[in-house]
Amino acid sequence: MRITINTQTPPIRFRLSYKDIVEKYGELDLPLDISMLSSEDYYISVGGVARMMLGLIDKFGGKAKWVALGPGYPPYVRMNNIDVYFVDLDPKSLAGYTRFKEGIYNESHGIARYNLNGRDYIDYATYNWLSAQKLLELYSDTDVYFINDFQQLLVGGIIGPSAPAVLWYHIPFVPEMLNEKLRNFLIRSFEGFDAVIVSTKRDLEGLVRTGAKVKVKQIYPYIDPSYYNTNVSKSDVENVERKFGINDDDKVVLVVARMDPIKSQDVAIQAIKNLDVKLVLAGDGSFTSKSLGHDKASIWSRKLRELARDLKVENKVIFTGYVSDEELMALYKRANAVALPSRIEGFGLTVCEGWLFKKPVVVSKGAGVSELVIDGGNGYTFRTYEEMAEGISKALKEEDKLGSLGYETVKKCLIDNEFDSIKAVLEEAASEY
């Protein structure tokens, strides 16, 4: 099956603009083969959705086409056997697009109500139109379009009856949390696709409650274990200990998340106030905050540092900023427990990553992945920071038992076990055309 993927976040991120690349190397043929570039010019994306799609492409034979947002990026690149096409917008349209999609994101996560703005919607629609246009240009080499998440909601309706399109909606869908206009907008958008995948039973039940006329399937997000080095060397672990100031005898609680209020790192900081642990907050800004000029990450990071000082725990909280894949693997290996404090979360693949490293997990009940957590079996769940503190204390006393059972649980969320379900949804959509 030939799939063409559409995401906001690209599978490859450039440190140089296309103009800078041309100035550095001279005129280059398109598609730009990234093997022609220095590794300093780009890096492979480590975002959850992008990594999921890379694993899926491998299962489909390693070849695919991919359309993503790429402000200032080369228009067309090739990485291995994947052709990646970038959609660009002028800075003013990028800002409007960002405001609109952030409004959806914030209200879906209970952060703030969003008053739909017509001008911002035009910019959002423009980005979706350009994405759909590029997708349809690739129609002759495509059996089905696989569209990902809330940034691309209009793409299904624009493609319409011309080709099969499946949406995977990764963020929470709890209709009671949404104002009527936004809820109706989401439902109409879902109905523009041939099928919709949601990540949790919570979201499936929410969509069913709305009476939306859409084919919907619940599939848990997955990880591909081949992307993870669980046999991290002792020297690699020692390197991250030195870099981030972790002592040999420290009990480490690891939170892997971008700097974003919905990730609720503040809850984790409050939880460790009276615990003898080191809290490691691994992550920096999102693609939006770094590439689209949205300063949410630095603002949130500053608030978290202020909270740590106010609680007098700044010596127990470590902010790593961006970490490489190698450093992240070493941090998972070093951790004594992995935590997901988000008050509400679409799913939370970091929990699965923790289980892959046989670590106990402590997870907010608002996270979709909490559906897989059995208290006292493979981890602990919580609603308040006091309950989180209690869960951490218990988890640290039962590391081996909880981690071993977690390792068995994560098998439900490995790509080999999820692939057939995803393939079936895509094949059914394609068969109708």
Protein backbone atom coordinates (compact mmCIF):
# COMPACT_ATOMS: atom_id res chain seq x y z
CA MET A 1 0.00 0.00 0.00
CA ARG A 2 1.29 3.44 -0.98
CA ILE A 3 0.62 5.95 1.78
CA THR A 4 1.13 9.69 1.78
CA ILE A 5 1.41 11.17 5.26
CA ASN A 6 0.45 14.67 6.33
CA THR A 7 1.56 16.19 9.66
CA GLN A 8 2.35 19.67 10.88
CA THR A 9 5.64 18.58 12.42
CA PRO A 10 8.10 17.27 9.82
CA PRO A 11 10.22 14.14 10.20
CA ILE A 12 13.34 16.24 9.63
CA ARG A 13 14.14 19.68 11.00
CA PHE A 14 16.63 22.05 9.43
CA ARG A 15 18.96 24.29 11.37
CA LEU A 16 19.57 26.33 8.21
CA SER A 17 17.04 27.96 5.90
CA TYR A 18 16.90 26.90 2.25
CA LYS A 19 18.56 30.20 1.35
CA ASP A 20 21.40 29.48 3.79
CA ILE A 21 21.80 25.95 2.41
CA VAL A 22 22.12 27.31 -1.14
CA GLU A 23 24.66 29.87 0.01
CA LYS A 24 26.65 27.13 1.76
CA TYR A 25 26.59 24.48 -0.96
CA GLY A 26 25.64 26.31 -4.14
CA GLU A 27 22.65 25.40 -6.31
CA LEU A 28 21.35 21.92 -5.45
CA ASP A 29 18.99 19.69 -7.41
CA LEU A 30 15.56 18.85 -6.01
CA PRO A 31 14.71 16.64 -4.29
CA LEU A 32 17.52 17.66 -1.99
CA ASP A 33 19.11 14.45 -0.75
CA ILE A 34 19.96 15.04 2.91
CA SER A 35 22.90 12.67 2.59
CA MET A 36 24.54 15.51 0.63
CA LEU A 37 24.38 17.77 3.70
CA SER A 38 26.38 17.97 6.88
CA SER A 39 24.75 16.51 9.97
CA GLU A 40 25.09 20.01 11.45
CA ASP A 41 22.51 21.31 8.96
CA TYR A 42 19.57 19.19 10.15
CA TYR A 43 18.38 16.58 12.62
CA ILE A 44 15.76 13.84 12.47
CA SER A 45 12.62 14.79 14.38
CA VAL A 46 12.04 13.05 17.72
CA GLY A 47 8.41 14.15 18.13
CA GLY A 48 5.93 11.44 19.09
CA VAL A 49 3.69 11.61 16.00
CA ALA A 50 6.63 11.92 13.59
CA ARG A 51 8.35 8.95 15.19
CA MET A 52 5.13 6.92 14.99
CA MET A 53 4.82 7.67 11.28
CA LEU A 54 8.46 6.75 10.63
CA GLY A 55 7.85 3.38 12.26
CA LEU A 56 4.70 2.87 10.19
CA ILE A 57 6.56 3.65 6.97
CA ASP A 58 9.14 1.01 7.85
CA LYS A 59 6.33 -1.55 8.22
CA PHE A 60 4.97 -0.56 4.80
CA GLY A 61 8.34 -1.22 3.21
CA GLY A 62 10.27 1.97 3.88
CA LYS A 63 8.92 4.09 1.02
CA ALA A 64 6.41 6.92 1.39
CA LYS A 65 5.61 10.51 0.64
CA TRP A 66 5.15 13.06 3.40
CA VAL A 67 3.76 16.60 3.45
CA ALA A 68 4.57 18.84 6.44
CA LEU A 69 4.95 22.44 7.50
CA GLY A 70 8.43 23.81 6.86
CA PRO A 71 8.84 27.58 7.16
CA GLY A 72 11.93 28.54 5.16
CA TYR A 73 12.75 24.89 4.47
CA PRO A 74 13.75 23.43 1.09
CA PRO A 75 10.55 22.70 -0.85
CA TYR A 76 11.34 19.03 -1.45
CA VAL A 77 13.87 16.71 0.20
CA ARG A 78 14.62 13.01 0.25
CA MET A 79 15.58 11.15 3.41
CA ASN A 80 16.34 7.52 2.69
CA ASN A 81 13.31 6.43 0.63
CA ILE A 82 10.92 9.07 2.00
CA ASP A 83 10.07 12.08 -0.17
CA VAL A 84 9.23 15.02 2.11
CA TYR A 85 7.43 18.10 0.75
CA PHE A 86 7.29 21.28 2.80
CA VAL A 87 4.47 23.81 2.94
CA ASP A 88 5.59 27.38 3.62
CA LEU A 89 3.59 30.39 4.79
CA ASP A 90 4.49 34.05 5.10
CA PRO A 91 5.18 35.20 8.70
CA LYS A 92 1.83 36.97 9.11
CA SER A 93 -0.14 33.90 7.98
CA LEU A 94 2.01 31.66 10.16
CA ALA A 95 1.12 33.78 13.19
CA GLY A 96 -2.62 33.61 12.44
CA TYR A 97 -2.47 29.87 11.79
CA THR A 98 -0.64 29.37 15.06
CA ARG A 99 -3.21 31.36 17.05
CA PHE A 100 -6.08 29.34 15.61
CA LYS A 101 -4.60 25.89 16.13
CA GLU A 102 -3.31 26.86 19.59
CA GLY A 103 -6.87 27.92 20.44
CA ILE A 104 -8.11 24.41 19.59
CA TYR A 105 -5.24 22.89 21.54
CA ASN A 106 -5.69 25.03 24.66
CA GLU A 107 -9.45 24.55 24.92
CA SER A 108 -9.15 20.80 24.32
CA HIS A 109 -6.73 20.66 27.25
CA GLY A 110 -8.80 22.90 29.54
CA ILE A 111 -6.26 25.73 29.60
CA ALA A 112 -8.34 28.56 28.10
CA ARG A 113 -11.54 29.15 26.16
CA TYR A 114 -11.05 30.09 22.53
CA ASN A 115 -13.12 32.67 20.73
CA LEU A 116 -12.91 31.70 17.07
CA ASN A 117 -11.38 34.52 15.04
CA GLY A 118 -12.23 34.89 11.35
CA ARG A 119 -8.87 36.28 10.29
CA ASP A 120 -6.97 33.54 12.09
CA TYR A 121 -9.29 30.94 10.59
CA ILE A 122 -8.43 32.16 7.09
CA ASP A 123 -4.75 31.58 7.85
CA TYR A 124 -5.49 28.13 9.28
CA ALA A 125 -7.61 27.30 6.23
CA THR A 126 -4.86 28.57 3.92
CA TYR A 127 -2.31 26.23 5.46
CA ASN A 128 -4.77 23.32 5.20
CA TRP A 129 -5.55 24.24 1.58
CA LEU A 130 -1.87 24.32 0.64
CA SER A 131 -1.33 20.99 2.41
CA ALA A 132 -4.27 19.40 0.57
CA GLN A 133 -3.13 20.86 -2.73
CA LYS A 134 0.31 19.31 -2.34
CA LEU A 135 -1.23 15.99 -1.25
CA LEU A 136 -3.43 15.88 -4.34
CA GLU A 137 -0.45 16.59 -6.57
CA LEU A 138 0.91 13.26 -5.28
CA TYR A 139 -2.32 11.39 -6.06
CA SER A 140 -0.89 9.20 -8.83
CA ASP A 141 1.53 7.59 -6.33
CA THR A 142 -0.93 7.34 -3.43
CA ASP A 143 -3.47 4.74 -2.36
CA VAL A 144 -4.54 6.53 0.83
CA TYR A 145 -3.76 9.77 2.65
CA PHE A 146 -2.97 9.47 6.35
CA ILE A 147 -3.60 12.84 8.01
CA ASN A 148 -2.45 13.52 11.56
CA ASP A 149 -4.00 15.69 14.22
CA PHE A 150 -5.77 18.96 14.91
CA GLN A 151 -3.53 21.12 12.75
CA GLN A 152 -4.90 19.44 9.59
CA LEU A 153 -8.64 19.23 10.32
CA LEU A 154 -9.81 20.79 7.05
CA VAL A 155 -7.72 18.59 4.79
CA GLY A 156 -10.29 15.77 4.64
CA GLY A 157 -13.07 18.08 3.52
CA ILE A 158 -10.86 19.75 0.91
CA ILE A 159 -9.78 16.41 -0.54
CA GLY A 160 -13.45 15.44 -0.42
CA PRO A 161 -14.58 12.55 -2.64
CA SER A 162 -11.50 12.75 -4.85
CA ALA A 163 -9.37 10.38 -2.75
CA PRO A 164 -9.44 8.38 0.51
CA ALA A 165 -8.26 10.21 3.62
CA VAL A 166 -7.95 8.91 7.19
CA LEU A 167 -7.42 11.19 10.21
CA TRP A 168 -5.64 10.19 13.41
CA TYR A 169 -6.76 12.70 16.07
CA HIS A 170 -4.12 12.59 18.78
CA ILE A 171 -5.28 15.20 21.31
CA PRO A 172 -8.16 14.70 23.80
CA PHE A 173 -11.73 14.82 22.54
CA VAL A 174 -14.00 15.40 25.51
CA PRO A 175 -17.02 17.27 24.06
CA GLU A 176 -18.18 18.59 27.42
CA MET A 177 -14.92 20.58 27.70
CA LEU A 178 -15.54 22.44 24.43
CA ASN A 179 -17.72 25.42 23.62
CA GLU A 180 -20.53 24.68 21.19
CA LYS A 181 -18.97 26.40 18.18
CA LEU A 182 -15.64 24.64 18.54
CA ARG A 183 -17.30 21.29 19.23
CA ASN A 184 -19.43 21.60 16.09
CA PHE A 185 -16.40 22.67 14.05
CA LEU A 186 -14.50 19.57 15.15
CA ILE A 187 -17.41 17.24 14.42
CA ARG A 188 -17.94 18.67 10.92
CA SER A 189 -14.22 18.37 10.29
CA PHE A 190 -14.19 14.71 11.40
CA GLU A 191 -17.08 14.00 9.04
CA GLY A 192 -14.94 15.20 6.11
CA PHE A 193 -12.71 12.13 6.46
CA ASP A 194 -13.40 8.57 5.36
CA ALA A 195 -12.38 7.33 8.82
CA VAL A 196 -11.10 8.75 12.09
CA ILE A 197 -8.73 7.05 14.53
CA VAL A 198 -8.73 8.21 18.16
CA SER A 199 -6.12 7.22 20.70
CA THR A 200 -8.16 6.24 23.76
CA LYS A 201 -11.47 4.79 24.87
CA ARG A 202 -12.17 8.16 26.54
CA ASP A 203 -12.04 9.90 23.15
CA LEU A 204 -14.02 7.18 21.37
CA GLU A 205 -16.79 7.48 23.94
CA GLY A 206 -16.70 11.27 23.61
CA LEU A 207 -17.13 11.09 19.85
CA VAL A 208 -19.93 8.56 20.14
CA ARG A 209 -21.76 10.86 22.60
CA THR A 210 -21.85 13.63 19.98
CA GLY A 211 -23.64 11.47 17.45
CA ALA A 212 -21.07 12.32 14.79
CA LYS A 213 -21.61 10.54 11.49
CA VAL A 214 -18.13 9.19 11.05
CA LYS A 215 -16.40 5.82 10.96
CA VAL A 216 -14.25 5.81 14.07
CA LYS A 217 -11.72 3.32 15.43
CA GLN A 218 -9.82 3.43 18.73
CA ILE A 219 -6.17 2.42 18.48
CA TYR A 220 -3.55 3.09 21.13
CA PRO A 221 -0.51 5.02 19.92
CA TYR A 222 2.58 2.87 19.55
CA ILE A 223 6.34 2.87 19.73
CA ASP A 224 8.85 1.02 17.58
CA PRO A 225 11.39 -0.61 19.91
CA SER A 226 14.01 -0.60 17.15
CA TYR A 227 14.32 3.17 17.67
CA TYR A 228 15.31 2.71 21.32
CA ASN A 229 18.65 1.58 22.70
CA THR A 230 17.74 -0.07 25.97
CA ASN A 231 21.28 -1.44 26.36
CA VAL A 232 22.78 1.93 27.20
CA SER A 233 26.42 1.74 28.24
CA LYS A 234 27.56 2.66 31.72
CA SER A 235 29.76 5.41 30.27
CA ASP A 236 26.79 7.00 28.48
CA VAL A 237 24.85 7.05 31.74
CA GLU A 238 27.84 8.58 33.53
CA ASN A 239 28.07 11.25 30.84
CA VAL A 240 24.49 12.43 31.39
CA GLU A 241 25.01 12.30 35.16
CA ARG A 242 27.97 14.65 34.82
CA LYS A 243 26.23 16.91 32.31
CA PHE A 244 23.10 17.40 34.40
CA GLY A 245 24.52 17.18 37.91
CA ILE A 246 23.07 13.83 38.95
CA ASN A 247 24.88 12.00 41.76
CA ASP A 248 25.34 8.23 41.95
CA ASP A 249 23.05 7.88 44.96
CA ASP A 250 20.28 10.20 43.70
CA LYS A 251 16.82 8.76 43.19
CA VAL A 252 15.76 10.15 39.79
CA VAL A 253 12.20 10.86 38.69
CA LEU A 254 12.17 11.59 34.95
CA VAL A 255 9.57 13.69 33.11
CA VAL A 256 10.01 13.77 29.34
CA ALA A 257 7.86 16.52 27.83
CA ARG A 258 8.15 19.76 25.93
CA MET A 259 7.93 22.97 27.91
CA ASP A 260 4.18 23.56 27.72
CA PRO A 261 1.54 24.30 30.39
CA ILE A 262 -0.52 21.26 29.37
CA LYS A 263 2.40 19.03 30.37
CA SER A 264 1.88 20.22 33.98
CA GLN A 265 5.50 20.04 35.10
CA ASP A 266 4.38 22.34 37.93
CA VAL A 267 2.47 19.43 39.47
CA ALA A 268 5.65 17.34 39.51
CA ILE A 269 7.63 20.17 41.13
CA GLN A 270 5.02 20.46 43.88
CA ALA A 271 4.97 16.70 44.34
CA ILE A 272 8.70 16.34 45.05
CA LYS A 273 8.85 19.11 47.65
CA ASN A 274 9.06 16.68 50.57
CA LEU A 275 10.69 13.79 48.73
CA ASP A 276 14.38 12.92 48.67
CA VAL A 277 14.59 12.72 44.87
CA LYS A 278 15.94 14.58 41.87
CA LEU A 279 13.27 15.64 39.36
CA VAL A 280 14.68 15.72 35.82
CA LEU A 281 12.57 17.73 33.35
CA ALA A 282 13.79 16.71 29.90
CA GLY A 283 12.58 18.73 26.93
CA ASP A 284 12.47 22.15 25.36
CA GLY A 285 10.01 23.94 23.08
CA SER A 286 7.72 22.41 20.49
CA PHE A 287 8.09 22.78 16.73
CA THR A 288 5.63 25.65 16.94
CA SER A 289 7.45 27.56 19.66
CA LYS A 290 10.85 27.11 18.01
CA SER A 291 9.99 27.56 14.34
CA LEU A 292 6.92 29.76 14.31
CA GLY A 293 8.07 32.39 16.75
CA HIS A 294 5.68 31.32 19.51
CA ASP A 295 7.36 31.91 22.88
CA LYS A 296 5.17 29.63 24.99
CA ALA A 297 8.07 27.35 25.93
CA SER A 298 10.37 29.98 27.42
CA ILE A 299 7.52 31.62 29.31
CA TRP A 300 6.48 28.30 30.85
CA SER A 301 10.06 27.34 31.67
CA ARG A 302 10.55 30.64 33.48
CA LYS A 303 7.37 30.07 35.54
CA LEU A 304 8.53 26.58 36.49
CA ARG A 305 11.91 27.88 37.65
CA GLU A 306 10.16 30.54 39.72
CA LEU A 307 7.93 27.88 41.30
CA ALA A 308 10.96 25.74 42.17
CA ARG A 309 12.60 28.75 43.86
CA ASP A 310 9.41 29.64 45.74
CA LEU A 311 9.14 26.07 47.05
CA LYS A 312 12.87 26.02 47.82
CA VAL A 313 13.43 22.92 45.69
CA GLU A 314 15.54 24.45 42.94
CA ASN A 315 18.44 22.19 43.96
CA LYS A 316 16.20 19.14 43.34
CA VAL A 317 14.86 20.14 39.90
CA ILE A 318 17.02 19.73 36.80
CA PHE A 319 16.03 21.41 33.51
CA THR A 320 17.87 19.66 30.69
CA GLY A 321 16.59 21.64 27.72
CA TYR A 322 16.94 19.81 24.42
CA VAL A 323 18.51 16.37 24.69
CA SER A 324 19.77 14.16 21.88
CA ASP A 325 18.34 10.68 21.33
CA GLU A 326 21.46 9.18 22.92
CA GLU A 327 21.12 11.38 26.00
CA LEU A 328 17.41 10.60 26.28
CA MET A 329 18.09 6.86 26.22
CA ALA A 330 20.71 7.32 28.94
CA LEU A 331 18.26 9.33 31.06
CA TYR A 332 15.63 6.59 30.78
CA LYS A 333 18.27 4.05 31.78
CA ARG A 334 19.33 6.17 34.78
CA ALA A 335 15.81 6.97 35.99
CA ASN A 336 14.30 5.22 38.98
CA ALA A 337 10.78 6.19 37.90
CA VAL A 338 9.13 7.90 34.91
CA ALA A 339 6.31 10.36 35.55
CA LEU A 340 3.60 11.91 33.38
CA PRO A 341 2.01 14.79 35.31
CA SER A 342 -0.22 16.26 32.53
CA ARG A 343 -3.63 17.20 33.89
CA ILE A 344 -5.08 16.01 30.59
CA GLU A 345 -3.16 14.38 27.75
CA GLY A 346 -4.12 12.74 24.47
CA PHE A 347 -2.09 9.66 25.37
CA GLY A 348 1.49 9.93 26.68
CA LEU A 349 4.03 7.76 24.85
CA THR A 350 6.73 8.62 27.40
CA VAL A 351 5.01 6.12 29.72
CA CYS A 352 5.45 3.38 27.11
CA GLU A 353 9.08 4.42 26.71
CA GLY A 354 9.57 4.15 30.45
CA TRP A 355 8.02 0.68 30.46
CA LEU A 356 10.31 -0.34 27.59
CA PHE A 357 13.22 0.46 29.94
CA LYS A 358 11.45 -1.52 32.71
CA LYS A 359 10.82 1.58 34.84
CA PRO A 360 7.84 2.12 37.16
CA VAL A 361 5.52 4.92 36.07
CA VAL A 362 3.45 7.50 37.92
CA VAL A 363 0.70 8.86 35.68
CA SER A 364 -2.03 11.48 35.90
CA LYS A 365 -5.54 10.08 35.61
CA GLY A 366 -6.13 12.77 32.96
CA ALA A 367 -3.62 11.15 30.60
CA GLY A 368 -5.02 8.75 28.04
CA VAL A 369 -2.34 6.17 28.79
CA SER A 370 -3.69 5.90 32.34
CA GLU A 371 -6.21 3.45 30.83
CA LEU A 372 -3.31 0.97 30.75
CA VAL A 373 -1.96 1.66 34.26
CA ILE A 374 -2.92 -0.75 37.03
CA ASP A 375 -2.27 0.81 40.43
CA GLY A 376 0.27 -1.29 42.27
CA GLY A 377 0.71 -3.52 39.21
CA ASN A 378 2.67 -1.61 36.59
CA GLY A 379 2.63 1.85 38.17
CA TYR A 380 0.45 4.35 40.00
CA THR A 381 -2.10 6.97 38.95
CA PHE A 382 -3.00 10.21 40.67
CA ARG A 383 -5.24 13.29 40.53
CA THR A 384 -3.43 15.74 42.85
CA TYR A 385 0.21 16.52 43.52
CA GLU A 386 -0.18 14.98 46.99
CA GLU A 387 -1.31 11.72 45.37
CA MET A 388 1.57 12.02 42.88
CA ALA A 389 4.04 12.30 45.76
CA GLU A 390 2.53 9.21 47.36
CA GLY A 391 2.72 7.34 44.04
CA ILE A 392 6.38 8.24 43.56
CA SER A 393 7.22 7.06 47.08
CA LYS A 394 5.50 3.72 46.49
CA ALA A 395 7.00 3.30 43.02
CA LEU A 396 10.54 3.81 44.30
CA LYS A 397 10.02 0.99 46.80
CA GLU A 398 8.78 -1.43 44.11
CA GLU A 399 10.94 -0.54 41.13
CA ASP A 400 11.70 -4.03 39.87
CA LYS A 401 8.18 -5.46 40.23
CA LEU A 402 6.40 -2.48 38.66
CA GLY A 403 8.97 -2.15 35.91
CA SER A 404 8.75 -5.82 34.94
CA LEU A 405 4.96 -5.74 34.72
CA GLY A 406 5.16 -2.47 32.81
CA TYR A 407 7.44 -4.15 30.29
CA GLU A 408 4.71 -6.73 29.69
CA THR A 409 2.07 -3.99 29.35
CA VAL A 410 4.00 -2.02 26.74
CA LYS A 411 3.71 -4.94 24.34
CA LYS A 412 0.14 -3.73 23.69
CA CYS A 413 1.64 -0.51 22.32
CA LEU A 414 4.38 -1.87 20.07
CA ILE A 415 4.05 -1.26 16.35
CA ASP A 416 4.14 -4.98 15.54
CA ASN A 417 0.97 -5.44 17.58
CA GLU A 418 -0.80 -2.30 16.31
CA PHE A 419 0.13 -2.44 12.63
CA ASP A 420 -2.62 -4.78 11.46
CA SER A 421 -5.33 -2.59 13.04
CA ILE A 422 -3.97 0.57 11.41
CA LYS A 423 -3.50 -1.15 8.06
CA ALA A 424 -7.09 -2.42 8.18
CA VAL A 425 -8.46 1.11 8.65
CA LEU A 426 -6.37 2.45 5.76
CA GLU A 427 -7.25 -0.48 3.49
CA GLU A 428 -10.98 -0.12 4.18
CA ALA A 429 -10.86 3.58 3.33
CA ALA A 430 -8.90 2.89 0.15
CA SER A 431 -11.21 0.02 -0.91
CA GLU A 432 -14.15 2.42 -1.19
CA TYR A 433 -12.32 4.24 -4.01
